[in-house]
Amino acid sequence: MVPDSSNKPLITMPKLYEYFGLIVLFYSDEHEPIHVHGLCQGRECRAELVVTDGRVVSVRFGAVKGRSPLKRAEMADFRAVVRQRSDDIVSKWVDFFVWHKPVKSERINRRIR
């Protein structure tokens, strides 16, 4: 990580998925609990994955302070991606934040039902 001119470290955004204009990602300076951000045209929401005994038992969706929330259709897409890929998100979180391994981005080209 290279500091910018203010000597603050740059924040990278490991992208996990692209889904019809929606980007699902981590911020590299994140903290627990395990969560991802959904971005679309400057709007943003967050999904926190609740893990018990190694299994995702629920997902809590919410707004991000200071950011406009996703529109209704964007939020529906965000919910669909996070719910379908929740186990993979946990695995990528562990790889990135615990093992410091890069994560591979995926483009999802088929609609999730």
Protein backbone atom coordinates (compact mmCIF):
# COMPACT_ATOMS: atom_id res chain seq x y z
CA MET A 1 0.00 0.00 0.00
CA VAL A 2 1.46 3.32 -1.05
CA PRO A 3 0.67 6.49 0.90
CA ASP A 4 -0.88 9.41 -0.97
CA SER A 5 0.50 12.96 -0.76
CA SER A 6 -1.02 13.36 2.72
CA ASN A 7 0.94 10.28 3.92
CA LYS A 8 -2.30 8.42 4.60
CA PRO A 9 -2.39 4.86 3.25
CA LEU A 10 -4.55 4.36 0.19
CA ILE A 11 -7.58 2.17 0.69
CA THR A 12 -7.94 -0.54 -1.91
CA MET A 13 -11.23 -2.17 -2.70
CA PRO A 14 -10.95 -5.88 -3.46
CA LYS A 15 -13.85 -6.47 -5.85
CA LEU A 16 -15.61 -9.80 -5.36
CA TYR A 17 -18.40 -9.71 -7.93
CA GLU A 18 -19.81 -7.66 -10.78
CA TYR A 19 -23.52 -8.23 -11.36
CA PHE A 20 -25.35 -6.16 -13.99
CA GLY A 21 -23.81 -2.84 -12.89
CA LEU A 22 -23.62 -3.70 -9.19
CA ILE A 23 -20.17 -4.10 -7.62
CA VAL A 24 -19.78 -6.19 -4.44
CA LEU A 25 -16.52 -5.55 -2.58
CA PHE A 26 -14.53 -5.28 0.61
CA TYR A 27 -12.59 -2.21 1.67
CA SER A 28 -9.03 -3.25 2.54
CA ASP A 29 -9.15 -1.47 5.91
CA GLU A 30 -12.27 -3.35 7.06
CA HIS A 31 -12.96 -4.87 10.43
CA GLU A 32 -15.18 -7.62 11.74
CA PRO A 33 -17.99 -8.56 11.59
CA ILE A 34 -17.73 -10.06 8.11
CA HIS A 35 -19.46 -7.75 5.68
CA VAL A 36 -19.46 -6.55 2.08
CA HIS A 37 -20.47 -3.36 0.36
CA GLY A 38 -22.68 -3.08 -2.70
CA LEU A 39 -21.96 -0.11 -4.97
CA CYS A 40 -23.86 1.15 -7.98
CA GLN A 41 -23.39 4.57 -9.59
CA GLY A 42 -22.26 6.22 -6.34
CA ARG A 43 -24.92 4.60 -4.17
CA GLU A 44 -23.92 2.12 -1.49
CA CYS A 45 -25.33 -0.36 1.02
CA ARG A 46 -23.75 -2.92 3.32
CA ALA A 47 -24.47 -6.57 4.13
CA GLU A 48 -23.24 -8.13 7.38
CA LEU A 49 -23.01 -11.91 7.42
CA VAL A 50 -23.81 -13.52 10.76
CA VAL A 51 -21.74 -16.70 11.13
CA THR A 52 -22.36 -19.30 13.83
CA ASP A 53 -20.37 -22.54 14.08
CA GLY A 54 -18.84 -21.84 10.67
CA ARG A 55 -22.19 -21.39 8.90
CA VAL A 56 -23.88 -18.23 7.66
CA VAL A 57 -27.12 -18.13 9.64
CA SER A 58 -28.39 -14.73 8.56
CA VAL A 59 -27.54 -11.60 6.62
CA ARG A 60 -28.30 -8.07 7.82
CA PHE A 61 -28.60 -5.40 5.14
CA GLY A 62 -28.30 -1.70 5.88
CA ALA A 63 -27.29 1.76 4.79
CA VAL A 64 -23.79 3.21 4.83
CA LYS A 65 -23.46 6.46 6.75
CA GLY A 66 -22.92 9.43 4.46
CA ARG A 67 -23.80 7.55 1.26
CA SER A 68 -27.01 7.44 -0.76
CA PRO A 69 -28.57 3.98 -0.52
CA LEU A 70 -29.02 1.62 -3.44
CA LYS A 71 -32.24 1.95 -5.41
CA ARG A 72 -34.91 -0.72 -4.90
CA ALA A 73 -33.91 -2.88 -7.91
CA GLU A 74 -30.20 -2.51 -7.07
CA MET A 75 -30.88 -3.55 -3.49
CA ALA A 76 -32.82 -6.61 -4.72
CA ASP A 77 -29.79 -7.56 -6.84
CA PHE A 78 -27.43 -6.98 -3.89
CA ARG A 79 -29.56 -9.18 -1.65
CA ALA A 80 -29.68 -11.93 -4.27
CA VAL A 81 -25.91 -11.96 -4.84
CA VAL A 82 -25.03 -11.87 -1.14
CA ARG A 83 -27.49 -14.60 -0.21
CA GLN A 84 -26.45 -16.88 -3.06
CA ARG A 85 -22.71 -16.33 -2.52
CA SER A 86 -22.62 -15.98 1.28
CA ASP A 87 -20.35 -18.99 1.89
CA ASP A 88 -17.97 -17.81 -0.83
CA ILE A 89 -17.93 -14.30 0.69
CA VAL A 90 -16.88 -15.75 4.06
CA SER A 91 -14.15 -17.78 2.37
CA LYS A 92 -12.88 -14.72 0.49
CA TRP A 93 -12.94 -12.66 3.71
CA VAL A 94 -10.77 -15.24 5.46
CA ASP A 95 -8.41 -15.47 2.49
CA PHE A 96 -8.02 -11.69 2.27
CA PHE A 97 -8.05 -10.54 5.89
CA VAL A 98 -6.58 -13.59 7.68
CA TRP A 99 -4.27 -15.18 5.11
CA HIS A 100 -3.53 -11.93 3.19
CA LYS A 101 -4.18 -13.64 -0.12
CA PRO A 102 -5.61 -11.79 -3.12
CA VAL A 103 -9.23 -12.47 -4.05
CA LYS A 104 -10.36 -13.11 -7.58
CA SER A 105 -13.22 -11.04 -8.93
CA GLU A 106 -16.07 -12.77 -10.74
CA ARG A 107 -18.49 -11.38 -13.29
CA ILE A 108 -21.93 -12.95 -12.86
CA ASN A 109 -23.61 -12.92 -16.27
CA ARG A 110 -26.79 -14.85 -15.49
CA ARG A 111 -29.67 -13.50 -13.50
CA ILE A 112 -30.01 -14.93 -10.01
CA ARG A 113 -33.55 -16.10 -9.29
